[in-house]
PDBML (XML) file of the C-alpha atoms, coordinates in Angstrom:
<?xml version="1.0" encoding="UTF-8" ?>
<PDBx:datablock datablockName="MODEL"
   xmlns:PDBx="http://pdbml.pdb.org/schema/pdbx-v50.xsd"
   xmlns:xsi="http://www.w3.org/2001/XMLSchema-instance"
   xsi:schemaLocation="http://pdbml.pdb.org/schema/pdbx-v50.xsd pdbx-v50.xsd">
   <PDBx:atom_siteCategory>
      <PDBx:atom_site id="1">
         <PDBx:B_iso_or_equiv>0.00</PDBx:B_iso_or_equiv>
         <PDBx:Cartn_x>78.095</PDBx:Cartn_x>
         <PDBx:Cartn_y>42.434</PDBx:Cartn_y>
         <PDBx:Cartn_z>10.608</PDBx:Cartn_z>
         <PDBx:auth_asym_id>A</PDBx:auth_asym_id>
         <PDBx:auth_atom_id>CA</PDBx:auth_atom_id>
         <PDBx:auth_comp_id>ARG</PDBx:auth_comp_id>
         <PDBx:auth_seq_id>1</PDBx:auth_seq_id>
         <PDBx:group_PDB>ATOM</PDBx:group_PDB>
         <PDBx:label_alt_id xsi:nil="true" />
         <PDBx:label_asym_id>A</PDBx:label_asym_id>
         <PDBx:label_atom_id>CA</PDBx:label_atom_id>
         <PDBx:label_comp_id>ARG</PDBx:label_comp_id>
         <PDBx:label_entity_id>1</PDBx:label_entity_id>
         <PDBx:label_seq_id>1</PDBx:label_seq_id>
         <PDBx:occupancy>1.00</PDBx:occupancy>
         <PDBx:pdbx_PDB_model_num>1</PDBx:pdbx_PDB_model_num>
         <PDBx:type_symbol>C</PDBx:type_symbol>
      </PDBx:atom_site>
      <PDBx:atom_site id="2">
         <PDBx:B_iso_or_equiv>0.00</PDBx:B_iso_or_equiv>
         <PDBx:Cartn_x>77.699</PDBx:Cartn_x>
         <PDBx:Cartn_y>44.604</PDBx:Cartn_y>
         <PDBx:Cartn_z>13.658</PDBx:Cartn_z>
         <PDBx:auth_asym_id>A</PDBx:auth_asym_id>
         <PDBx:auth_atom_id>CA</PDBx:auth_atom_id>
         <PDBx:auth_comp_id>GLN</PDBx:auth_comp_id>
         <PDBx:auth_seq_id>2</PDBx:auth_seq_id>
         <PDBx:group_PDB>ATOM</PDBx:group_PDB>
         <PDBx:label_alt_id xsi:nil="true" />
         <PDBx:label_asym_id>A</PDBx:label_asym_id>
         <PDBx:label_atom_id>CA</PDBx:label_atom_id>
         <PDBx:label_comp_id>GLN</PDBx:label_comp_id>
         <PDBx:label_entity_id>1</PDBx:label_entity_id>
         <PDBx:label_seq_id>2</PDBx:label_seq_id>
         <PDBx:occupancy>1.00</PDBx:occupancy>
         <PDBx:pdbx_PDB_model_num>1</PDBx:pdbx_PDB_model_num>
         <PDBx:type_symbol>C</PDBx:type_symbol>
      </PDBx:atom_site>
      <PDBx:atom_site id="3">
         <PDBx:B_iso_or_equiv>0.00</PDBx:B_iso_or_equiv>
         <PDBx:Cartn_x>76.183</PDBx:Cartn_x>
         <PDBx:Cartn_y>48.067</PDBx:Cartn_y>
         <PDBx:Cartn_z>13.639</PDBx:Cartn_z>
         <PDBx:auth_asym_id>A</PDBx:auth_asym_id>
         <PDBx:auth_atom_id>CA</PDBx:auth_atom_id>
         <PDBx:auth_comp_id>ALA</PDBx:auth_comp_id>
         <PDBx:auth_seq_id>3</PDBx:auth_seq_id>
         <PDBx:group_PDB>ATOM</PDBx:group_PDB>
         <PDBx:label_alt_id xsi:nil="true" />
         <PDBx:label_asym_id>A</PDBx:label_asym_id>
         <PDBx:label_atom_id>CA</PDBx:label_atom_id>
         <PDBx:label_comp_id>ALA</PDBx:label_comp_id>
         <PDBx:label_entity_id>1</PDBx:label_entity_id>
         <PDBx:label_seq_id>3</PDBx:label_seq_id>
         <PDBx:occupancy>1.00</PDBx:occupancy>
         <PDBx:pdbx_PDB_model_num>1</PDBx:pdbx_PDB_model_num>
         <PDBx:type_symbol>C</PDBx:type_symbol>
      </PDBx:atom_site>
      <PDBx:atom_site id="4">
         <PDBx:B_iso_or_equiv>0.00</PDBx:B_iso_or_equiv>
         <PDBx:Cartn_x>76.669</PDBx:Cartn_x>
         <PDBx:Cartn_y>50.504</PDBx:Cartn_y>
         <PDBx:Cartn_z>16.532</PDBx:Cartn_z>
         <PDBx:auth_asym_id>A</PDBx:auth_asym_id>
         <PDBx:auth_atom_id>CA</PDBx:auth_atom_id>
         <PDBx:auth_comp_id>PRO</PDBx:auth_comp_id>
         <PDBx:auth_seq_id>4</PDBx:auth_seq_id>
         <PDBx:group_PDB>ATOM</PDBx:group_PDB>
         <PDBx:label_alt_id xsi:nil="true" />
         <PDBx:label_asym_id>A</PDBx:label_asym_id>
         <PDBx:label_atom_id>CA</PDBx:label_atom_id>
         <PDBx:label_comp_id>PRO</PDBx:label_comp_id>
         <PDBx:label_entity_id>1</PDBx:label_entity_id>
         <PDBx:label_seq_id>4</PDBx:label_seq_id>
         <PDBx:occupancy>1.00</PDBx:occupancy>
         <PDBx:pdbx_PDB_model_num>1</PDBx:pdbx_PDB_model_num>
         <PDBx:type_symbol>C</PDBx:type_symbol>
      </PDBx:atom_site>
      <PDBx:atom_site id="5">
         <PDBx:B_iso_or_equiv>0.00</PDBx:B_iso_or_equiv>
         <PDBx:Cartn_x>74.473</PDBx:Cartn_x>
         <PDBx:Cartn_y>49.553</PDBx:Cartn_y>
         <PDBx:Cartn_z>19.481</PDBx:Cartn_z>
         <PDBx:auth_asym_id>A</PDBx:auth_asym_id>
         <PDBx:auth_atom_id>CA</PDBx:auth_atom_id>
         <PDBx:auth_comp_id>GLY</PDBx:auth_comp_id>
         <PDBx:auth_seq_id>5</PDBx:auth_seq_id>
         <PDBx:group_PDB>ATOM</PDBx:group_PDB>
         <PDBx:label_alt_id xsi:nil="true" />
         <PDBx:label_asym_id>A</PDBx:label_asym_id>
         <PDBx:label_atom_id>CA</PDBx:label_atom_id>
         <PDBx:label_comp_id>GLY</PDBx:label_comp_id>
         <PDBx:label_entity_id>1</PDBx:label_entity_id>
         <PDBx:label_seq_id>5</PDBx:label_seq_id>
         <PDBx:occupancy>1.00</PDBx:occupancy>
         <PDBx:pdbx_PDB_model_num>1</PDBx:pdbx_PDB_model_num>
         <PDBx:type_symbol>C</PDBx:type_symbol>
      </PDBx:atom_site>
      <PDBx:atom_site id="6">
         <PDBx:B_iso_or_equiv>0.00</PDBx:B_iso_or_equiv>
         <PDBx:Cartn_x>73.316</PDBx:Cartn_x>
         <PDBx:Cartn_y>46.332</PDBx:Cartn_y>
         <PDBx:Cartn_z>17.836</PDBx:Cartn_z>
         <PDBx:auth_asym_id>A</PDBx:auth_asym_id>
         <PDBx:auth_atom_id>CA</PDBx:auth_atom_id>
         <PDBx:auth_comp_id>LYS</PDBx:auth_comp_id>
         <PDBx:auth_seq_id>6</PDBx:auth_seq_id>
         <PDBx:group_PDB>ATOM</PDBx:group_PDB>
         <PDBx:label_alt_id xsi:nil="true" />
         <PDBx:label_asym_id>A</PDBx:label_asym_id>
         <PDBx:label_atom_id>CA</PDBx:label_atom_id>
         <PDBx:label_comp_id>LYS</PDBx:label_comp_id>
         <PDBx:label_entity_id>1</PDBx:label_entity_id>
         <PDBx:label_seq_id>6</PDBx:label_seq_id>
         <PDBx:occupancy>1.00</PDBx:occupancy>
         <PDBx:pdbx_PDB_model_num>1</PDBx:pdbx_PDB_model_num>
         <PDBx:type_symbol>C</PDBx:type_symbol>
      </PDBx:atom_site>
      <PDBx:atom_site id="7">
         <PDBx:B_iso_or_equiv>0.00</PDBx:B_iso_or_equiv>
         <PDBx:Cartn_x>74.205</PDBx:Cartn_x>
         <PDBx:Cartn_y>42.694</PDBx:Cartn_y>
         <PDBx:Cartn_z>18.148</PDBx:Cartn_z>
         <PDBx:auth_asym_id>A</PDBx:auth_asym_id>
         <PDBx:auth_atom_id>CA</PDBx:auth_atom_id>
         <PDBx:auth_comp_id>GLN</PDBx:auth_comp_id>
         <PDBx:auth_seq_id>7</PDBx:auth_seq_id>
         <PDBx:group_PDB>ATOM</PDBx:group_PDB>
         <PDBx:label_alt_id xsi:nil="true" />
         <PDBx:label_asym_id>A</PDBx:label_asym_id>
         <PDBx:label_atom_id>CA</PDBx:label_atom_id>
         <PDBx:label_comp_id>GLN</PDBx:label_comp_id>
         <PDBx:label_entity_id>1</PDBx:label_entity_id>
         <PDBx:label_seq_id>7</PDBx:label_seq_id>
         <PDBx:occupancy>1.00</PDBx:occupancy>
         <PDBx:pdbx_PDB_model_num>1</PDBx:pdbx_PDB_model_num>
         <PDBx:type_symbol>C</PDBx:type_symbol>
      </PDBx:atom_site>
      <PDBx:atom_site id="8">
         <PDBx:B_iso_or_equiv>0.00</PDBx:B_iso_or_equiv>
         <PDBx:Cartn_x>76.372</PDBx:Cartn_x>
         <PDBx:Cartn_y>40.970</PDBx:Cartn_y>
         <PDBx:Cartn_z>15.604</PDBx:Cartn_z>
         <PDBx:auth_asym_id>A</PDBx:auth_asym_id>
         <PDBx:auth_atom_id>CA</PDBx:auth_atom_id>
         <PDBx:auth_comp_id>ARG</PDBx:auth_comp_id>
         <PDBx:auth_seq_id>8</PDBx:auth_seq_id>
         <PDBx:group_PDB>ATOM</PDBx:group_PDB>
         <PDBx:label_alt_id xsi:nil="true" />
         <PDBx:label_asym_id>A</PDBx:label_asym_id>
         <PDBx:label_atom_id>CA</PDBx:label_atom_id>
         <PDBx:label_comp_id>ARG</PDBx:label_comp_id>
         <PDBx:label_entity_id>1</PDBx:label_entity_id>
         <PDBx:label_seq_id>8</PDBx:label_seq_id>
         <PDBx:occupancy>1.00</PDBx:occupancy>
         <PDBx:pdbx_PDB_model_num>1</PDBx:pdbx_PDB_model_num>
         <PDBx:type_symbol>C</PDBx:type_symbol>
      </PDBx:atom_site>
      <PDBx:atom_site id="9">
         <PDBx:B_iso_or_equiv>0.00</PDBx:B_iso_or_equiv>
         <PDBx:Cartn_x>74.248</PDBx:Cartn_x>
         <PDBx:Cartn_y>39.246</PDBx:Cartn_y>
         <PDBx:Cartn_z>12.946</PDBx:Cartn_z>
         <PDBx:auth_asym_id>A</PDBx:auth_asym_id>
         <PDBx:auth_atom_id>CA</PDBx:auth_atom_id>
         <PDBx:auth_comp_id>GLU</PDBx:auth_comp_id>
         <PDBx:auth_seq_id>9</PDBx:auth_seq_id>
         <PDBx:group_PDB>ATOM</PDBx:group_PDB>
         <PDBx:label_alt_id xsi:nil="true" />
         <PDBx:label_asym_id>A</PDBx:label_asym_id>
         <PDBx:label_atom_id>CA</PDBx:label_atom_id>
         <PDBx:label_comp_id>GLU</PDBx:label_comp_id>
         <PDBx:label_entity_id>1</PDBx:label_entity_id>
         <PDBx:label_seq_id>9</PDBx:label_seq_id>
         <PDBx:occupancy>1.00</PDBx:occupancy>
         <PDBx:pdbx_PDB_model_num>1</PDBx:pdbx_PDB_model_num>
         <PDBx:type_symbol>C</PDBx:type_symbol>
      </PDBx:atom_site>
      <PDBx:atom_site id="10">
         <PDBx:B_iso_or_equiv>0.00</PDBx:B_iso_or_equiv>
         <PDBx:Cartn_x>74.936</PDBx:Cartn_x>
         <PDBx:Cartn_y>36.657</PDBx:Cartn_y>
         <PDBx:Cartn_z>10.287</PDBx:Cartn_z>
         <PDBx:auth_asym_id>A</PDBx:auth_asym_id>
         <PDBx:auth_atom_id>CA</PDBx:auth_atom_id>
         <PDBx:auth_comp_id>LEU</PDBx:auth_comp_id>
         <PDBx:auth_seq_id>10</PDBx:auth_seq_id>
         <PDBx:group_PDB>ATOM</PDBx:group_PDB>
         <PDBx:label_alt_id xsi:nil="true" />
         <PDBx:label_asym_id>A</PDBx:label_asym_id>
         <PDBx:label_atom_id>CA</PDBx:label_atom_id>
         <PDBx:label_comp_id>LEU</PDBx:label_comp_id>
         <PDBx:label_entity_id>1</PDBx:label_entity_id>
         <PDBx:label_seq_id>10</PDBx:label_seq_id>
         <PDBx:occupancy>1.00</PDBx:occupancy>
         <PDBx:pdbx_PDB_model_num>1</PDBx:pdbx_PDB_model_num>
         <PDBx:type_symbol>C</PDBx:type_symbol>
      </PDBx:atom_site>
      <PDBx:atom_site id="11">
         <PDBx:B_iso_or_equiv>0.00</PDBx:B_iso_or_equiv>
         <PDBx:Cartn_x>74.616</PDBx:Cartn_x>
         <PDBx:Cartn_y>38.198</PDBx:Cartn_y>
         <PDBx:Cartn_z>6.839</PDBx:Cartn_z>
         <PDBx:auth_asym_id>A</PDBx:auth_asym_id>
         <PDBx:auth_atom_id>CA</PDBx:auth_atom_id>
         <PDBx:auth_comp_id>VAL</PDBx:auth_comp_id>
         <PDBx:auth_seq_id>11</PDBx:auth_seq_id>
         <PDBx:group_PDB>ATOM</PDBx:group_PDB>
         <PDBx:label_alt_id xsi:nil="true" />
         <PDBx:label_asym_id>A</PDBx:label_asym_id>
         <PDBx:label_atom_id>CA</PDBx:label_atom_id>
         <PDBx:label_comp_id>VAL</PDBx:label_comp_id>
         <PDBx:label_entity_id>1</PDBx:label_entity_id>
         <PDBx:label_seq_id>11</PDBx:label_seq_id>
         <PDBx:occupancy>1.00</PDBx:occupancy>
         <PDBx:pdbx_PDB_model_num>1</PDBx:pdbx_PDB_model_num>
         <PDBx:type_symbol>C</PDBx:type_symbol>
      </PDBx:atom_site>
      <PDBx:atom_site id="12">
         <PDBx:B_iso_or_equiv>0.00</PDBx:B_iso_or_equiv>
         <PDBx:Cartn_x>75.579</PDBx:Cartn_x>
         <PDBx:Cartn_y>35.338</PDBx:Cartn_y>
         <PDBx:Cartn_z>4.541</PDBx:Cartn_z>
         <PDBx:auth_asym_id>A</PDBx:auth_asym_id>
         <PDBx:auth_atom_id>CA</PDBx:auth_atom_id>
         <PDBx:auth_comp_id>ALA</PDBx:auth_comp_id>
         <PDBx:auth_seq_id>12</PDBx:auth_seq_id>
         <PDBx:group_PDB>ATOM</PDBx:group_PDB>
         <PDBx:label_alt_id xsi:nil="true" />
         <PDBx:label_asym_id>A</PDBx:label_asym_id>
         <PDBx:label_atom_id>CA</PDBx:label_atom_id>
         <PDBx:label_comp_id>ALA</PDBx:label_comp_id>
         <PDBx:label_entity_id>1</PDBx:label_entity_id>
         <PDBx:label_seq_id>12</PDBx:label_seq_id>
         <PDBx:occupancy>1.00</PDBx:occupancy>
         <PDBx:pdbx_PDB_model_num>1</PDBx:pdbx_PDB_model_num>
         <PDBx:type_symbol>C</PDBx:type_symbol>
      </PDBx:atom_site>
      <PDBx:atom_site id="13">
         <PDBx:B_iso_or_equiv>0.00</PDBx:B_iso_or_equiv>
         <PDBx:Cartn_x>77.098</PDBx:Cartn_x>
         <PDBx:Cartn_y>31.899</PDBx:Cartn_y>
         <PDBx:Cartn_z>4.859</PDBx:Cartn_z>
         <PDBx:auth_asym_id>A</PDBx:auth_asym_id>
         <PDBx:auth_atom_id>CA</PDBx:auth_atom_id>
         <PDBx:auth_comp_id>ALA</PDBx:auth_comp_id>
         <PDBx:auth_seq_id>13</PDBx:auth_seq_id>
         <PDBx:group_PDB>ATOM</PDBx:group_PDB>
         <PDBx:label_alt_id xsi:nil="true" />
         <PDBx:label_asym_id>A</PDBx:label_asym_id>
         <PDBx:label_atom_id>CA</PDBx:label_atom_id>
         <PDBx:label_comp_id>ALA</PDBx:label_comp_id>
         <PDBx:label_entity_id>1</PDBx:label_entity_id>
         <PDBx:label_seq_id>13</PDBx:label_seq_id>
         <PDBx:occupancy>1.00</PDBx:occupancy>
         <PDBx:pdbx_PDB_model_num>1</PDBx:pdbx_PDB_model_num>
         <PDBx:type_symbol>C</PDBx:type_symbol>
      </PDBx:atom_site>
      <PDBx:atom_site id="14">
         <PDBx:B_iso_or_equiv>0.00</PDBx:B_iso_or_equiv>
         <PDBx:Cartn_x>78.111</PDBx:Cartn_x>
         <PDBx:Cartn_y>28.846</PDBx:Cartn_y>
         <PDBx:Cartn_z>2.885</PDBx:Cartn_z>
         <PDBx:auth_asym_id>A</PDBx:auth_asym_id>
         <PDBx:auth_atom_id>CA</PDBx:auth_atom_id>
         <PDBx:auth_comp_id>ILE</PDBx:auth_comp_id>
         <PDBx:auth_seq_id>14</PDBx:auth_seq_id>
         <PDBx:group_PDB>ATOM</PDBx:group_PDB>
         <PDBx:label_alt_id xsi:nil="true" />
         <PDBx:label_asym_id>A</PDBx:label_asym_id>
         <PDBx:label_atom_id>CA</PDBx:label_atom_id>
         <PDBx:label_comp_id>ILE</PDBx:label_comp_id>
         <PDBx:label_entity_id>1</PDBx:label_entity_id>
         <PDBx:label_seq_id>14</PDBx:label_seq_id>
         <PDBx:occupancy>1.00</PDBx:occupancy>
         <PDBx:pdbx_PDB_model_num>1</PDBx:pdbx_PDB_model_num>
         <PDBx:type_symbol>C</PDBx:type_symbol>
      </PDBx:atom_site>
      <PDBx:atom_site id="15">
         <PDBx:B_iso_or_equiv>0.00</PDBx:B_iso_or_equiv>
         <PDBx:Cartn_x>77.484</PDBx:Cartn_x>
         <PDBx:Cartn_y>25.731</PDBx:Cartn_y>
         <PDBx:Cartn_z>4.943</PDBx:Cartn_z>
         <PDBx:auth_asym_id>A</PDBx:auth_asym_id>
         <PDBx:auth_atom_id>CA</PDBx:auth_atom_id>
         <PDBx:auth_comp_id>ILE</PDBx:auth_comp_id>
         <PDBx:auth_seq_id>15</PDBx:auth_seq_id>
         <PDBx:group_PDB>ATOM</PDBx:group_PDB>
         <PDBx:label_alt_id xsi:nil="true" />
         <PDBx:label_asym_id>A</PDBx:label_asym_id>
         <PDBx:label_atom_id>CA</PDBx:label_atom_id>
         <PDBx:label_comp_id>ILE</PDBx:label_comp_id>
         <PDBx:label_entity_id>1</PDBx:label_entity_id>
         <PDBx:label_seq_id>15</PDBx:label_seq_id>
         <PDBx:occupancy>1.00</PDBx:occupancy>
         <PDBx:pdbx_PDB_model_num>1</PDBx:pdbx_PDB_model_num>
         <PDBx:type_symbol>C</PDBx:type_symbol>
      </PDBx:atom_site>
      <PDBx:atom_site id="16">
         <PDBx:B_iso_or_equiv>0.00</PDBx:B_iso_or_equiv>
         <PDBx:Cartn_x>78.428</PDBx:Cartn_x>
         <PDBx:Cartn_y>22.438</PDBx:Cartn_y>
         <PDBx:Cartn_z>3.311</PDBx:Cartn_z>
         <PDBx:auth_asym_id>A</PDBx:auth_asym_id>
         <PDBx:auth_atom_id>CA</PDBx:auth_atom_id>
         <PDBx:auth_comp_id>SER</PDBx:auth_comp_id>
         <PDBx:auth_seq_id>16</PDBx:auth_seq_id>
         <PDBx:group_PDB>ATOM</PDBx:group_PDB>
         <PDBx:label_alt_id xsi:nil="true" />
         <PDBx:label_asym_id>A</PDBx:label_asym_id>
         <PDBx:label_atom_id>CA</PDBx:label_atom_id>
         <PDBx:label_comp_id>SER</PDBx:label_comp_id>
         <PDBx:label_entity_id>1</PDBx:label_entity_id>
         <PDBx:label_seq_id>16</PDBx:label_seq_id>
         <PDBx:occupancy>1.00</PDBx:occupancy>
         <PDBx:pdbx_PDB_model_num>1</PDBx:pdbx_PDB_model_num>
         <PDBx:type_symbol>C</PDBx:type_symbol>
      </PDBx:atom_site>
      <PDBx:atom_site id="17">
         <PDBx:B_iso_or_equiv>0.00</PDBx:B_iso_or_equiv>
         <PDBx:Cartn_x>77.836</PDBx:Cartn_x>
         <PDBx:Cartn_y>24.017</PDBx:Cartn_y>
         <PDBx:Cartn_z>-0.066</PDBx:Cartn_z>
         <PDBx:auth_asym_id>A</PDBx:auth_asym_id>
         <PDBx:auth_atom_id>CA</PDBx:auth_atom_id>
         <PDBx:auth_comp_id>GLY</PDBx:auth_comp_id>
         <PDBx:auth_seq_id>17</PDBx:auth_seq_id>
         <PDBx:group_PDB>ATOM</PDBx:group_PDB>
         <PDBx:label_alt_id xsi:nil="true" />
         <PDBx:label_asym_id>A</PDBx:label_asym_id>
         <PDBx:label_atom_id>CA</PDBx:label_atom_id>
         <PDBx:label_comp_id>GLY</PDBx:label_comp_id>
         <PDBx:label_entity_id>1</PDBx:label_entity_id>
         <PDBx:label_seq_id>17</PDBx:label_seq_id>
         <PDBx:occupancy>1.00</PDBx:occupancy>
         <PDBx:pdbx_PDB_model_num>1</PDBx:pdbx_PDB_model_num>
         <PDBx:type_symbol>C</PDBx:type_symbol>
      </PDBx:atom_site>
      <PDBx:atom_site id="18">
         <PDBx:B_iso_or_equiv>0.00</PDBx:B_iso_or_equiv>
         <PDBx:Cartn_x>74.463</PDBx:Cartn_x>
         <PDBx:Cartn_y>25.564</PDBx:Cartn_y>
         <PDBx:Cartn_z>0.794</PDBx:Cartn_z>
         <PDBx:auth_asym_id>A</PDBx:auth_asym_id>
         <PDBx:auth_atom_id>CA</PDBx:auth_atom_id>
         <PDBx:auth_comp_id>ASN</PDBx:auth_comp_id>
         <PDBx:auth_seq_id>18</PDBx:auth_seq_id>
         <PDBx:group_PDB>ATOM</PDBx:group_PDB>
         <PDBx:label_alt_id xsi:nil="true" />
         <PDBx:label_asym_id>A</PDBx:label_asym_id>
         <PDBx:label_atom_id>CA</PDBx:label_atom_id>
         <PDBx:label_comp_id>ASN</PDBx:label_comp_id>
         <PDBx:label_entity_id>1</PDBx:label_entity_id>
         <PDBx:label_seq_id>18</PDBx:label_seq_id>
         <PDBx:occupancy>1.00</PDBx:occupancy>
         <PDBx:pdbx_PDB_model_num>1</PDBx:pdbx_PDB_model_num>
         <PDBx:type_symbol>C</PDBx:type_symbol>
      </PDBx:atom_site>
      <PDBx:atom_site id="19">
         <PDBx:B_iso_or_equiv>0.00</PDBx:B_iso_or_equiv>
         <PDBx:Cartn_x>74.029</PDBx:Cartn_x>
         <PDBx:Cartn_y>29.318</PDBx:Cartn_y>
         <PDBx:Cartn_z>0.603</PDBx:Cartn_z>
         <PDBx:auth_asym_id>A</PDBx:auth_asym_id>
         <PDBx:auth_atom_id>CA</PDBx:auth_atom_id>
         <PDBx:auth_comp_id>LEU</PDBx:auth_comp_id>
         <PDBx:auth_seq_id>19</PDBx:auth_seq_id>
         <PDBx:group_PDB>ATOM</PDBx:group_PDB>
         <PDBx:label_alt_id xsi:nil="true" />
         <PDBx:label_asym_id>A</PDBx:label_asym_id>
         <PDBx:label_atom_id>CA</PDBx:label_atom_id>
         <PDBx:label_comp_id>LEU</PDBx:label_comp_id>
         <PDBx:label_entity_id>1</PDBx:label_entity_id>
         <PDBx:label_seq_id>19</PDBx:label_seq_id>
         <PDBx:occupancy>1.00</PDBx:occupancy>
         <PDBx:pdbx_PDB_model_num>1</PDBx:pdbx_PDB_model_num>
         <PDBx:type_symbol>C</PDBx:type_symbol>
      </PDBx:atom_site>
      <PDBx:atom_site id="20">
         <PDBx:B_iso_or_equiv>0.00</PDBx:B_iso_or_equiv>
         <PDBx:Cartn_x>72.255</PDBx:Cartn_x>
         <PDBx:Cartn_y>31.142</PDBx:Cartn_y>
         <PDBx:Cartn_z>3.414</PDBx:Cartn_z>
         <PDBx:auth_asym_id>A</PDBx:auth_asym_id>
         <PDBx:auth_atom_id>CA</PDBx:auth_atom_id>
         <PDBx:auth_comp_id>ASN</PDBx:auth_comp_id>
         <PDBx:auth_seq_id>20</PDBx:auth_seq_id>
         <PDBx:group_PDB>ATOM</PDBx:group_PDB>
         <PDBx:label_alt_id xsi:nil="true" />
         <PDBx:label_asym_id>A</PDBx:label_asym_id>
         <PDBx:label_atom_id>CA</PDBx:label_atom_id>
         <PDBx:label_comp_id>ASN</PDBx:label_comp_id>
         <PDBx:label_entity_id>1</PDBx:label_entity_id>
         <PDBx:label_seq_id>20</PDBx:label_seq_id>
         <PDBx:occupancy>1.00</PDBx:occupancy>
         <PDBx:pdbx_PDB_model_num>1</PDBx:pdbx_PDB_model_num>
         <PDBx:type_symbol>C</PDBx:type_symbol>
      </PDBx:atom_site>
      <PDBx:atom_site id="21">
         <PDBx:B_iso_or_equiv>0.00</PDBx:B_iso_or_equiv>
         <PDBx:Cartn_x>71.328</PDBx:Cartn_x>
         <PDBx:Cartn_y>34.813</PDBx:Cartn_y>
         <PDBx:Cartn_z>3.592</PDBx:Cartn_z>
         <PDBx:auth_asym_id>A</PDBx:auth_asym_id>
         <PDBx:auth_atom_id>CA</PDBx:auth_atom_id>
         <PDBx:auth_comp_id>TYR</PDBx:auth_comp_id>
         <PDBx:auth_seq_id>21</PDBx:auth_seq_id>
         <PDBx:group_PDB>ATOM</PDBx:group_PDB>
         <PDBx:label_alt_id xsi:nil="true" />
         <PDBx:label_asym_id>A</PDBx:label_asym_id>
         <PDBx:label_atom_id>CA</PDBx:label_atom_id>
         <PDBx:label_comp_id>TYR</PDBx:label_comp_id>
         <PDBx:label_entity_id>1</PDBx:label_entity_id>
         <PDBx:label_seq_id>21</PDBx:label_seq_id>
         <PDBx:occupancy>1.00</PDBx:occupancy>
         <PDBx:pdbx_PDB_model_num>1</PDBx:pdbx_PDB_model_num>
         <PDBx:type_symbol>C</PDBx:type_symbol>
      </PDBx:atom_site>
      <PDBx:atom_site id="22">
         <PDBx:B_iso_or_equiv>0.00</PDBx:B_iso_or_equiv>
         <PDBx:Cartn_x>69.803</PDBx:Cartn_x>
         <PDBx:Cartn_y>37.212</PDBx:Cartn_y>
         <PDBx:Cartn_z>6.049</PDBx:Cartn_z>
         <PDBx:auth_asym_id>A</PDBx:auth_asym_id>
         <PDBx:auth_atom_id>CA</PDBx:auth_atom_id>
         <PDBx:auth_comp_id>LEU</PDBx:auth_comp_id>
         <PDBx:auth_seq_id>22</PDBx:auth_seq_id>
         <PDBx:group_PDB>ATOM</PDBx:group_PDB>
         <PDBx:label_alt_id xsi:nil="true" />
         <PDBx:label_asym_id>A</PDBx:label_asym_id>
         <PDBx:label_atom_id>CA</PDBx:label_atom_id>
         <PDBx:label_comp_id>LEU</PDBx:label_comp_id>
         <PDBx:label_entity_id>1</PDBx:label_entity_id>
         <PDBx:label_seq_id>22</PDBx:label_seq_id>
         <PDBx:occupancy>1.00</PDBx:occupancy>
         <PDBx:pdbx_PDB_model_num>1</PDBx:pdbx_PDB_model_num>
         <PDBx:type_symbol>C</PDBx:type_symbol>
      </PDBx:atom_site>
      <PDBx:atom_site id="23">
         <PDBx:B_iso_or_equiv>0.00</PDBx:B_iso_or_equiv>
         <PDBx:Cartn_x>66.323</PDBx:Cartn_x>
         <PDBx:Cartn_y>38.054</PDBx:Cartn_y>
         <PDBx:Cartn_z>4.752</PDBx:Cartn_z>
         <PDBx:auth_asym_id>A</PDBx:auth_asym_id>
         <PDBx:auth_atom_id>CA</PDBx:auth_atom_id>
         <PDBx:auth_comp_id>ASP</PDBx:auth_comp_id>
         <PDBx:auth_seq_id>23</PDBx:auth_seq_id>
         <PDBx:group_PDB>ATOM</PDBx:group_PDB>
         <PDBx:label_alt_id xsi:nil="true" />
         <PDBx:label_asym_id>A</PDBx:label_asym_id>
         <PDBx:label_atom_id>CA</PDBx:label_atom_id>
         <PDBx:label_comp_id>ASP</PDBx:label_comp_id>
         <PDBx:label_entity_id>1</PDBx:label_entity_id>
         <PDBx:label_seq_id>23</PDBx:label_seq_id>
         <PDBx:occupancy>1.00</PDBx:occupancy>
         <PDBx:pdbx_PDB_model_num>1</PDBx:pdbx_PDB_model_num>
         <PDBx:type_symbol>C</PDBx:type_symbol>
      </PDBx:atom_site>
      <PDBx:atom_site id="24">
         <PDBx:B_iso_or_equiv>0.00</PDBx:B_iso_or_equiv>
         <PDBx:Cartn_x>67.095</PDBx:Cartn_x>
         <PDBx:Cartn_y>41.754</PDBx:Cartn_y>
         <PDBx:Cartn_z>4.437</PDBx:Cartn_z>
         <PDBx:auth_asym_id>A</PDBx:auth_asym_id>
         <PDBx:auth_atom_id>CA</PDBx:auth_atom_id>
         <PDBx:auth_comp_id>SER</PDBx:auth_comp_id>
         <PDBx:auth_seq_id>24</PDBx:auth_seq_id>
         <PDBx:group_PDB>ATOM</PDBx:group_PDB>
         <PDBx:label_alt_id xsi:nil="true" />
         <PDBx:label_asym_id>A</PDBx:label_asym_id>
         <PDBx:label_atom_id>CA</PDBx:label_atom_id>
         <PDBx:label_comp_id>SER</PDBx:label_comp_id>
         <PDBx:label_entity_id>1</PDBx:label_entity_id>
         <PDBx:label_seq_id>24</PDBx:label_seq_id>
         <PDBx:occupancy>1.00</PDBx:occupancy>
         <PDBx:pdbx_PDB_model_num>1</PDBx:pdbx_PDB_model_num>
         <PDBx:type_symbol>C</PDBx:type_symbol>
      </PDBx:atom_site>
   </PDBx:atom_siteCategory>
</PDBx:datablock>
């Protein structure tokens, strides 16, 4: 996701079956 004036950030991903989430 990318909010106005901010850098794009990874929110959630599935990498080789493993789930990853942004802490927030």
